[in-house]
Amino acid sequence: IDPQKIFNPEIFNNLLSGIMDSALSITSSLYNWIMAL
């Protein structure tokens, strides 16, 4: 239960990078969503 290990900044950095990758994938599939609409 050590907070230094649980709330490691590297974990949040990886989480933010994952969110950014998801946002980029959504942007790259914008054509599919436009055609879907």
PDB file of all heavy atoms in Angstrom:
ATOM      1  N   ILE A   1       0.828  -1.215   0.000  1.00  0.00           N
ATOM      2  CA  ILE A   1       0.000   0.000   0.000  1.00  0.00           C
ATOM      3  C   ILE A   1       0.857   1.258   0.000  1.00  0.00           C
ATOM      4  O   ILE A   1       0.378   2.334   0.362  1.00  0.00           O
ATOM      5  CB  ILE A   1      -0.942   0.007   1.229  1.00  0.00           C
ATOM      6  CG1 ILE A   1      -0.137  -0.025   2.525  1.00  0.00           C
ATOM      7  CG2 ILE A   1      -1.909  -1.152   1.170  1.00  0.00           C
ATOM      8  CD1 ILE A   1      -0.996   0.082   3.779  1.00  0.00           C
ATOM      9  N   ASP A   2       2.128   1.127  -0.399  1.00  0.00           N
ATOM     10  CA  ASP A   2       3.009   2.293  -0.453  1.00  0.00           C
ATOM     11  C   ASP A   2       2.550   3.234  -1.555  1.00  0.00           C
ATOM     12  O   ASP A   2       2.540   2.856  -2.734  1.00  0.00           O
ATOM     13  CB  ASP A   2       4.445   1.842  -0.726  1.00  0.00           C
ATOM     14  CG  ASP A   2       5.430   3.003  -0.633  1.00  0.00           C
ATOM     15  OD1 ASP A   2       4.982   4.124  -0.300  1.00  0.00           O
ATOM     16  OD2 ASP A   2       6.623   2.785  -0.901  1.00  0.00           O
ATOM     17  N   PRO A   3       2.150   4.468  -1.241  1.00  0.00           N
ATOM     18  CA  PRO A   3       1.671   5.394  -2.276  1.00  0.00           C
ATOM     19  C   PRO A   3       2.724   5.713  -3.320  1.00  0.00           C
ATOM     20  O   PRO A   3       2.392   6.007  -4.459  1.00  0.00           O
ATOM     21  CB  PRO A   3       1.277   6.651  -1.485  1.00  0.00           C
ATOM     22  CG  PRO A   3       1.062   6.175  -0.097  1.00  0.00           C
ATOM     23  CD  PRO A   3       2.012   5.047   0.098  1.00  0.00           C
ATOM     24  N   GLN A   4       3.998   5.667  -2.930  1.00  0.00           N
ATOM     25  CA  GLN A   4       5.049   5.961  -3.901  1.00  0.00           C
ATOM     26  C   GLN A   4       5.058   4.935  -5.033  1.00  0.00           C
ATOM     27  O   GLN A   4       5.476   5.237  -6.151  1.00  0.00           O
ATOM     28  CB  GLN A   4       6.413   5.987  -3.202  1.00  0.00           C
ATOM     29  CG  GLN A   4       6.568   7.097  -2.182  1.00  0.00           C
ATOM     30  CD  GLN A   4       6.623   8.466  -2.851  1.00  0.00           C
ATOM     31  OE1 GLN A   4       6.835   8.570  -4.047  1.00  0.00           O
ATOM     32  NE2 GLN A   4       6.404   9.512  -2.076  1.00  0.00           N
ATOM     33  N   LYS A   5       4.611   3.706  -4.712  1.00  0.00           N
ATOM     34  CA  LYS A   5       4.544   2.682  -5.754  1.00  0.00           C
ATOM     35  C   LYS A   5       3.202   2.691  -6.469  1.00  0.00           C
ATOM     36  O   LYS A   5       3.121   2.497  -7.671  1.00  0.00           O
ATOM     37  CB  LYS A   5       4.794   1.304  -5.136  1.00  0.00           C
ATOM     38  CG  LYS A   5       6.193   1.161  -4.549  1.00  0.00           C
ATOM     39  CD  LYS A   5       6.377  -0.217  -3.946  1.00  0.00           C
ATOM     40  CE  LYS A   5       7.780  -0.375  -3.361  1.00  0.00           C
ATOM     41  NZ  LYS A   5       7.973  -1.712  -2.748  1.00  0.00           N
ATOM     42  N   ILE A   6       2.128   2.932  -5.686  1.00  0.00           N
ATOM     43  CA  ILE A   6       0.794   2.918  -6.297  1.00  0.00           C
ATOM     44  C   ILE A   6       0.621   4.109  -7.224  1.00  0.00           C
ATOM     45  O   ILE A   6       0.137   3.990  -8.357  1.00  0.00           O
ATOM     46  CB  ILE A   6      -0.286   2.915  -5.198  1.00  0.00           C
ATOM     47  CG1 ILE A   6      -0.164   1.653  -4.351  1.00  0.00           C
ATOM     48  CG2 ILE A   6      -1.670   3.014  -5.811  1.00  0.00           C
ATOM     49  CD1 ILE A   6      -1.117   1.612  -3.171  1.00  0.00           C
ATOM     50  N   PHE A   7       1.012   5.297  -6.746  1.00  0.00           N
ATOM     51  CA  PHE A   7       0.840   6.527  -7.525  1.00  0.00           C
ATOM     52  C   PHE A   7       2.154   6.930  -8.189  1.00  0.00           C
ATOM     53  O   PHE A   7       2.587   8.077  -8.111  1.00  0.00           O
ATOM     54  CB  PHE A   7       0.321   7.661  -6.632  1.00  0.00           C
ATOM     55  CG  PHE A   7      -0.957   7.332  -5.943  1.00  0.00           C
ATOM     56  CD1 PHE A   7      -0.993   7.080  -4.593  1.00  0.00           C
ATOM     57  CD2 PHE A   7      -2.143   7.256  -6.665  1.00  0.00           C
ATOM     58  CE1 PHE A   7      -2.186   6.777  -3.953  1.00  0.00           C
ATOM     59  CE2 PHE A   7      -3.332   6.945  -6.035  1.00  0.00           C
ATOM     60  CZ  PHE A   7      -3.352   6.706  -4.677  1.00  0.00           C
ATOM     61  N   ASN A   8       2.811   5.974  -8.781  1.00  0.00           N
ATOM     62  CA  ASN A   8       4.050   6.258  -9.496  1.00  0.00           C
ATOM     63  C   ASN A   8       3.761   7.149 -10.698  1.00  0.00           C
ATOM     64  O   ASN A   8       2.866   6.851 -11.492  1.00  0.00           O
ATOM     65  CB  ASN A   8       4.671   4.934  -9.970  1.00  0.00           C
ATOM     66  CG  ASN A   8       6.102   5.109 -10.426  1.00  0.00           C
ATOM     67  OD1 ASN A   8       6.497   6.201 -10.831  1.00  0.00           O
ATOM     68  ND2 ASN A   8       6.873   4.040 -10.340  1.00  0.00           N
ATOM     69  N   PRO A   9       4.513   8.256 -10.873  1.00  0.00           N
ATOM     70  CA  PRO A   9       4.259   9.133 -12.023  1.00  0.00           C
ATOM     71  C   PRO A   9       4.380   8.422 -13.363  1.00  0.00           C
ATOM     72  O   PRO A   9       3.726   8.804 -14.334  1.00  0.00           O
ATOM     73  CB  PRO A   9       5.331  10.221 -11.868  1.00  0.00           C
ATOM     74  CG  PRO A   9       5.652  10.228 -10.405  1.00  0.00           C
ATOM     75  CD  PRO A   9       5.515   8.816  -9.961  1.00  0.00           C
ATOM     76  N   GLU A  10       5.217   7.371 -13.430  1.00  0.00           N
ATOM     77  CA  GLU A  10       5.349   6.652 -14.692  1.00  0.00           C
ATOM     78  C   GLU A  10       4.035   5.991 -15.098  1.00  0.00           C
ATOM     79  O   GLU A  10       3.712   5.898 -16.286  1.00  0.00           O
ATOM     80  CB  GLU A  10       6.447   5.604 -14.576  1.00  0.00           C
ATOM     81  CG  GLU A  10       7.846   6.190 -14.395  1.00  0.00           C
ATOM     82  CD  GLU A  10       8.894   5.107 -14.338  1.00  0.00           C
ATOM     83  OE1 GLU A  10       8.501   3.915 -14.425  1.00  0.00           O
ATOM     84  OE2 GLU A  10      10.079   5.446 -14.223  1.00  0.00           O
ATOM     85  N   ILE A  11       3.268   5.548 -14.086  1.00  0.00           N
ATOM     86  CA  ILE A  11       1.978   4.925 -14.393  1.00  0.00           C
ATOM     87  C   ILE A  11       1.046   5.944 -15.036  1.00  0.00           C
ATOM     88  O   ILE A  11       0.378   5.663 -16.032  1.00  0.00           O
ATOM     89  CB  ILE A  11       1.355   4.336 -13.112  1.00  0.00           C
ATOM     90  CG1 ILE A  11       2.261   3.234 -12.543  1.00  0.00           C
ATOM     91  CG2 ILE A  11      -0.039   3.801 -13.384  1.00  0.00           C
ATOM     92  CD1 ILE A  11       1.778   2.662 -11.236  1.00  0.00           C
ATOM     93  N   PHE A  12       1.005   7.159 -14.471  1.00  0.00           N
ATOM     94  CA  PHE A  12       0.138   8.192 -15.022  1.00  0.00           C
ATOM     95  C   PHE A  12       0.641   8.661 -16.381  1.00  0.00           C
ATOM     96  O   PHE A  12      -0.156   9.003 -17.254  1.00  0.00           O
ATOM     97  CB  PHE A  12       0.037   9.368 -14.041  1.00  0.00           C
ATOM     98  CG  PHE A  12      -0.853   9.083 -12.875  1.00  0.00           C
ATOM     99  CD1 PHE A  12      -0.350   8.476 -11.738  1.00  0.00           C
ATOM    100  CD2 PHE A  12      -2.200   9.398 -12.914  1.00  0.00           C
ATOM    101  CE1 PHE A  12      -1.171   8.209 -10.664  1.00  0.00           C
ATOM    102  CE2 PHE A  12      -3.028   9.130 -11.839  1.00  0.00           C
ATOM    103  CZ  PHE A  12      -2.515   8.532 -10.700  1.00  0.00           C
ATOM    104  N   ASN A  13       1.964   8.683 -16.559  1.00  0.00           N
ATOM    105  CA  ASN A  13       2.494   9.053 -17.871  1.00  0.00           C
ATOM    106  C   ASN A  13       2.098   8.024 -18.919  1.00  0.00           C
ATOM    107  O   ASN A  13       1.721   8.378 -20.049  1.00  0.00           O
ATOM    108  CB  ASN A  13       4.013   9.185 -17.799  1.00  0.00           C
ATOM    109  CG  ASN A  13       4.451  10.383 -16.975  1.00  0.00           C
ATOM    110  OD1 ASN A  13       3.720  11.374 -16.884  1.00  0.00           O
ATOM    111  ND2 ASN A  13       5.631  10.307 -16.376  1.00  0.00           N
ATOM    112  N   ASN A  14       2.178   6.750 -18.544  1.00  0.00           N
ATOM    113  CA  ASN A  14       1.745   5.704 -19.481  1.00  0.00           C
ATOM    114  C   ASN A  14       0.253   5.807 -19.760  1.00  0.00           C
ATOM    115  O   ASN A  14      -0.198   5.594 -20.895  1.00  0.00           O
ATOM    116  CB  ASN A  14       2.068   4.325 -18.911  1.00  0.00           C
ATOM    117  CG  ASN A  14       3.556   4.088 -18.795  1.00  0.00           C
ATOM    118  OD1 ASN A  14       4.338   4.662 -19.559  1.00  0.00           O
ATOM    119  ND2 ASN A  14       3.958   3.252 -17.840  1.00  0.00           N
ATOM    120  N   LEU A  15      -0.516   6.168 -18.702  1.00  0.00           N
ATOM    121  CA  LEU A  15      -1.960   6.325 -18.888  1.00  0.00           C
ATOM    122  C   LEU A  15      -2.260   7.481 -19.833  1.00  0.00           C
ATOM    123  O   LEU A  15      -3.090   7.360 -20.746  1.00  0.00           O
ATOM    124  CB  LEU A  15      -2.634   6.556 -17.539  1.00  0.00           C
ATOM    125  CG  LEU A  15      -4.152   6.780 -17.555  1.00  0.00           C
ATOM    126  CD1 LEU A  15      -4.860   5.560 -18.125  1.00  0.00           C
ATOM    127  CD2 LEU A  15      -4.665   7.085 -16.153  1.00  0.00           C
ATOM    128  N   LEU A  16      -1.582   8.596 -19.645  1.00  0.00           N
ATOM    129  CA  LEU A  16      -1.801   9.750 -20.527  1.00  0.00           C
ATOM    130  C   LEU A  16      -1.365   9.439 -21.952  1.00  0.00           C
ATOM    131  O   LEU A  16      -2.026   9.852 -22.921  1.00  0.00           O
ATOM    132  CB  LEU A  16      -1.036  10.960 -19.985  1.00  0.00           C
ATOM    133  CG  LEU A  16      -1.578  11.577 -18.693  1.00  0.00           C
ATOM    134  CD1 LEU A  16      -0.666  12.699 -18.221  1.00  0.00           C
ATOM    135  CD2 LEU A  16      -2.989  12.098 -18.904  1.00  0.00           C
ATOM    136  N   SER A  17      -0.243   8.722 -22.102  1.00  0.00           N
ATOM    137  CA  SER A  17       0.193   8.362 -23.456  1.00  0.00           C
ATOM    138  C   SER A  17      -0.815   7.431 -24.113  1.00  0.00           C
ATOM    139  O   SER A  17      -1.083   7.536 -25.318  1.00  0.00           O
ATOM    140  CB  SER A  17       1.568   7.689 -23.403  1.00  0.00           C
ATOM    141  OG  SER A  17       1.506   6.477 -22.666  1.00  0.00           O
ATOM    142  N   GLY A  18      -1.411   6.529 -23.298  1.00  0.00           N
ATOM    143  CA  GLY A  18      -2.456   5.668 -23.852  1.00  0.00           C
ATOM    144  C   GLY A  18      -3.674   6.460 -24.292  1.00  0.00           C
ATOM    145  O   GLY A  18      -4.272   6.179 -25.337  1.00  0.00           O
ATOM    146  N   ILE A  19      -4.051   7.459 -23.486  1.00  0.00           N
ATOM    147  CA  ILE A  19      -5.184   8.314 -23.865  1.00  0.00           C
ATOM    148  C   ILE A  19      -4.879   9.086 -25.151  1.00  0.00           C
ATOM    149  O   ILE A  19      -5.734   9.213 -26.037  1.00  0.00           O
ATOM    150  CB  ILE A  19      -5.526   9.274 -22.709  1.00  0.00           C
ATOM    151  CG1 ILE A  19      -6.037   8.485 -21.502  1.00  0.00           C
ATOM    152  CG2 ILE A  19      -6.574  10.293 -23.139  1.00  0.00           C
ATOM    153  CD1 ILE A  19      -6.254   9.330 -20.272  1.00  0.00           C
ATOM    154  N   MET A  20      -3.656   9.585 -25.261  1.00  0.00           N
ATOM    155  CA  MET A  20      -3.269  10.319 -26.476  1.00  0.00           C
ATOM    156  C   MET A  20      -3.271   9.399 -27.695  1.00  0.00           C
ATOM    157  O   MET A  20      -3.718   9.794 -28.778  1.00  0.00           O
ATOM    158  CB  MET A  20      -1.890  10.935 -26.283  1.00  0.00           C
ATOM    159  CG  MET A  20      -1.842  12.047 -25.241  1.00  0.00           C
ATOM    160  SD  MET A  20      -2.907  13.441 -25.687  1.00  0.00           S
ATOM    161  CE  MET A  20      -2.114  13.998 -27.191  1.00  0.00           C
ATOM    162  N   ASP A  21      -2.785   8.172 -27.516  1.00  0.00           N
ATOM    163  CA  ASP A  21      -2.809   7.221 -28.636  1.00  0.00           C
ATOM    164  C   ASP A  21      -4.239   6.911 -29.055  1.00  0.00           C
ATOM    165  O   ASP A  21      -4.541   6.803 -30.255  1.00  0.00           O
ATOM    166  CB  ASP A  21      -2.085   5.928 -28.245  1.00  0.00           C
ATOM    167  CG  ASP A  21      -0.594   6.146 -28.047  1.00  0.00           C
ATOM    168  OD1 ASP A  21      -0.066   7.152 -28.582  1.00  0.00           O
ATOM    169  OD2 ASP A  21       0.036   5.326 -27.343  1.00  0.00           O
ATOM    170  N   SER A  22      -5.131   6.784 -28.067  1.00  0.00           N
ATOM    171  CA  SER A  22      -6.537   6.535 -28.393  1.00  0.00           C
ATOM    172  C   SER A  22      -7.141   7.711 -29.137  1.00  0.00           C
ATOM    173  O   SER A  22      -7.902   7.544 -30.094  1.00  0.00           O
ATOM    174  CB  SER A  22      -7.330   6.258 -27.109  1.00  0.00           C
ATOM    175  OG  SER A  22      -6.815   5.136 -26.435  1.00  0.00           O
ATOM    176  N   ALA A  23      -6.787   8.937 -28.687  1.00  0.00           N
ATOM    177  CA  ALA A  23      -7.299  10.128 -29.376  1.00  0.00           C
ATOM    178  C   ALA A  23      -6.790  10.186 -30.808  1.00  0.00           C
ATOM    179  O   ALA A  23      -7.535  10.535 -31.741  1.00  0.00           O
ATOM    180  CB  ALA A  23      -6.886  11.384 -28.617  1.00  0.00           C
ATOM    181  N   LEU A  24      -5.508   9.835 -31.003  1.00  0.00           N
ATOM    182  CA  LEU A  24      -4.965   9.841 -32.366  1.00  0.00           C
ATOM    183  C   LEU A  24      -5.627   8.771 -33.234  1.00  0.00           C
ATOM    184  O   LEU A  24      -5.894   9.002 -34.420  1.00  0.00           O
ATOM    185  CB  LEU A  24      -3.452   9.605 -32.313  1.00  0.00           C
ATOM    186  CG  LEU A  24      -2.616  10.748 -31.717  1.00  0.00           C
ATOM    187  CD1 LEU A  24      -1.149  10.336 -31.610  1.00  0.00           C
ATOM    188  CD2 LEU A  24      -2.755  12.019 -32.558  1.00  0.00           C
ATOM    189  N   SER A  25      -5.909   7.604 -32.647  1.00  0.00           N
ATOM    190  CA  SER A  25      -6.580   6.556 -33.424  1.00  0.00           C
ATOM    191  C   SER A  25      -7.993   6.971 -33.798  1.00  0.00           C
ATOM    192  O   SER A  25      -8.473   6.676 -34.900  1.00  0.00           O
ATOM    193  CB  SER A  25      -6.603   5.249 -32.628  1.00  0.00           C
ATOM    194  OG  SER A  25      -7.371   5.406 -31.448  1.00  0.00           O
ATOM    195  N   ILE A  26      -8.667   7.681 -32.873  1.00  0.00           N
ATOM    196  CA  ILE A  26     -10.007   8.181 -33.189  1.00  0.00           C
ATOM    197  C   ILE A  26      -9.934   9.210 -34.314  1.00  0.00           C
ATOM    198  O   ILE A  26     -10.759   9.224 -35.232  1.00  0.00           O
ATOM    199  CB  ILE A  26     -10.657   8.784 -31.929  1.00  0.00           C
ATOM    200  CG1 ILE A  26     -10.952   7.681 -30.915  1.00  0.00           C
ATOM    201  CG2 ILE A  26     -11.947   9.520 -32.272  1.00  0.00           C
ATOM    202  CD1 ILE A  26     -11.453   8.193 -29.581  1.00  0.00           C
ATOM    203  N   THR A  27      -8.917  10.072 -34.237  1.00  0.00           N
ATOM    204  CA  THR A  27      -8.754  11.077 -35.299  1.00  0.00           C
ATOM    205  C   THR A  27      -8.449  10.416 -36.631  1.00  0.00           C
ATOM    206  O   THR A  27      -8.964  10.834 -37.671  1.00  0.00           O
ATOM    207  CB  THR A  27      -7.624  12.041 -34.917  1.00  0.00           C
ATOM    208  OG1 THR A  27      -7.912  12.616 -33.645  1.00  0.00           O
ATOM    209  CG2 THR A  27      -7.494  13.150 -35.957  1.00  0.00           C
ATOM    210  N   SER A  28      -7.600   9.376 -36.606  1.00  0.00           N
ATOM    211  CA  SER A  28      -7.275   8.693 -37.850  1.00  0.00           C
ATOM    212  C   SER A  28      -8.471   7.964 -38.441  1.00  0.00           C
ATOM    213  O   SER A  28      -8.546   7.770 -39.661  1.00  0.00           O
ATOM    214  CB  SER A  28      -6.126   7.703 -37.611  1.00  0.00           C
ATOM    215  OG  SER A  28      -6.526   6.709 -36.683  1.00  0.00           O
ATOM    216  N   SER A  29      -9.410   7.542 -37.599  1.00  0.00           N
ATOM    217  CA  SER A  29     -10.606   6.865 -38.098  1.00  0.00           C
ATOM    218  C   SER A  29     -11.767   7.835 -38.294  1.00  0.00           C
ATOM    219  O   SER A  29     -12.924   7.406 -38.313  1.00  0.00           O
ATOM    220  CB  SER A  29     -11.019   5.765 -37.116  1.00  0.00           C
ATOM    221  OG  SER A  29     -11.339   6.322 -35.861  1.00  0.00           O
ATOM    222  N   LEU A  30     -11.445   9.125 -38.415  1.00  0.00           N
ATOM    223  CA  LEU A  30     -12.495  10.125 -38.599  1.00  0.00           C
ATOM    224  C   LEU A  30     -13.279   9.872 -39.880  1.00  0.00           C
ATOM    225  O   LEU A  30     -14.501  10.091 -39.926  1.00  0.00           O
ATOM    226  CB  LEU A  30     -11.866  11.523 -38.630  1.00  0.00           C
ATOM    227  CG  LEU A  30     -12.834  12.709 -38.684  1.00  0.00           C
ATOM    228  CD1 LEU A  30     -13.728  12.725 -37.451  1.00  0.00           C
ATOM    229  CD2 LEU A  30     -12.064  14.024 -38.806  1.00  0.00           C
ATOM    230  N   TYR A  31     -12.608   9.386 -40.913  1.00  0.00           N
ATOM    231  CA  TYR A  31     -13.287   9.093 -42.177  1.00  0.00           C
ATOM    232  C   TYR A  31     -14.362   8.029 -41.971  1.00  0.00           C
ATOM    233  O   TYR A  31     -15.487   8.160 -42.489  1.00  0.00           O
ATOM    234  CB  TYR A  31     -12.268   8.623 -43.215  1.00  0.00           C
ATOM    235  CG  TYR A  31     -12.893   8.050 -44.467  1.00  0.00           C
ATOM    236  CD1 TYR A  31     -13.425   8.886 -45.442  1.00  0.00           C
ATOM    237  CD2 TYR A  31     -12.960   6.670 -44.660  1.00  0.00           C
ATOM    238  CE1 TYR A  31     -14.003   8.355 -46.593  1.00  0.00           C
ATOM    239  CE2 TYR A  31     -13.538   6.132 -45.799  1.00  0.00           C
ATOM    240  CZ  TYR A  31     -14.057   6.984 -46.760  1.00  0.00           C
ATOM    241  OH  TYR A  31     -14.636   6.449 -47.879  1.00  0.00           O
ATOM    242  N   ASN A  32     -14.031   6.988 -41.204  1.00  0.00           N
ATOM    243  CA  ASN A  32     -15.011   5.926 -40.946  1.00  0.00           C
ATOM    244  C   ASN A  32     -16.226   6.462 -40.210  1.00  0.00           C
ATOM    245  O   ASN A  32     -17.373   6.084 -40.505  1.00  0.00           O
ATOM    246  CB  ASN A  32     -14.376   4.797 -40.136  1.00  0.00           C
ATOM    247  CG  ASN A  32     -13.365   4.002 -40.939  1.00  0.00           C
ATOM    248  OD1 ASN A  32     -13.421   3.969 -42.167  1.00  0.00           O
ATOM    249  ND2 ASN A  32     -12.424   3.373 -40.246  1.00  0.00           N
ATOM    250  N   TRP A  33     -16.004   7.369 -39.237  1.00  0.00           N
ATOM    251  CA  TRP A  33     -17.119   7.911 -38.476  1.00  0.00           C
ATOM    252  C   TRP A  33     -17.976   8.847 -39.318  1.00  0.00           C
ATOM    253  O   TRP A  33     -19.203   8.872 -39.168  1.00  0.00           O
ATOM    254  CB  TRP A  33     -16.610   8.633 -37.237  1.00  0.00           C
ATOM    255  CG  TRP A  33     -16.145   7.703 -36.165  1.00  0.00           C
ATOM    256  CD1 TRP A  33     -14.864   7.421 -35.804  1.00  0.00           C
ATOM    257  CD2 TRP A  33     -16.976   6.897 -35.324  1.00  0.00           C
ATOM    258  NE1 TRP A  33     -14.836   6.496 -34.798  1.00  0.00           N
ATOM    259  CE2 TRP A  33     -16.117   6.159 -34.469  1.00  0.00           C
ATOM    260  CE3 TRP A  33     -18.349   6.720 -35.201  1.00  0.00           C
ATOM    261  CZ2 TRP A  33     -16.589   5.272 -33.518  1.00  0.00           C
ATOM    262  CZ3 TRP A  33     -18.824   5.836 -34.251  1.00  0.00           C
ATOM    263  CH2 TRP A  33     -17.965   5.133 -33.432  1.00  0.00           C
ATOM    264  N   ILE A  34     -17.333   9.611 -40.197  1.00  0.00           N
ATOM    265  CA  ILE A  34     -18.119  10.486 -41.088  1.00  0.00           C
ATOM    266  C   ILE A  34     -18.987   9.646 -42.009  1.00  0.00           C
ATOM    267  O   ILE A  34     -20.191   9.913 -42.196  1.00  0.00           O
ATOM    268  CB  ILE A  34     -17.189  11.405 -41.891  1.00  0.00           C
ATOM    269  CG1 ILE A  34     -16.503  12.405 -40.956  1.00  0.00           C
ATOM    270  CG2 ILE A  34     -17.965  12.154 -42.978  1.00  0.00           C
ATOM    271  CD1 ILE A  34     -15.471  13.279 -41.627  1.00  0.00           C
ATOM    272  N   MET A  35     -18.392   8.605 -42.597  1.00  0.00           N
ATOM    273  CA  MET A  35     -19.175   7.724 -43.463  1.00  0.00           C
ATOM    274  C   MET A  35     -20.254   7.006 -42.649  1.00  0.00           C
ATOM    275  O   MET A  35     -21.365   6.770 -43.158  1.00  0.00           O
ATOM    276  CB  MET A  35     -18.256   6.702 -44.134  1.00  0.00           C
ATOM    277  CG  MET A  35     -17.279   7.303 -45.125  1.00  0.00           C
ATOM    278  SD  MET A  35     -18.117   8.241 -46.434  1.00  0.00           S
ATOM    279  CE  MET A  35     -19.139   6.960 -47.160  1.00  0.00           C
ATOM    280  N   ALA A  36     -19.955   6.673 -41.402  1.00  0.00           N
ATOM    281  CA  ALA A  36     -20.954   6.015 -40.561  1.00  0.00           C
ATOM    282  C   ALA A  36     -22.139   6.931 -40.298  1.00  0.00           C
ATOM    283  O   ALA A  36     -23.296   6.481 -40.287  1.00  0.00           O
ATOM    284  CB  ALA A  36     -20.311   5.581 -39.249  1.00  0.00           C
ATOM    285  N   LEU A  37     -21.884   8.221 -40.078  1.00  0.00           N
ATOM    286  CA  LEU A  37     -22.980   9.168 -39.876  1.00  0.00           C
ATOM    287  C   LEU A  37     -23.848   9.287 -41.119  1.00  0.00           C
ATOM    288  O   LEU A  37     -25.081   9.383 -41.028  1.00  0.00           O
ATOM    289  CB  LEU A  37     -22.420  10.532 -39.479  1.00  0.00           C
ATOM    290  CG  LEU A  37     -21.805  10.625 -38.079  1.00  0.00           C
ATOM    291  CD1 LEU A  37     -21.117  11.967 -37.896  1.00  0.00           C
ATOM    292  CD2 LEU A  37     -22.873  10.434 -37.009  1.00  0.00           C
TER     293      LEU A  37
END
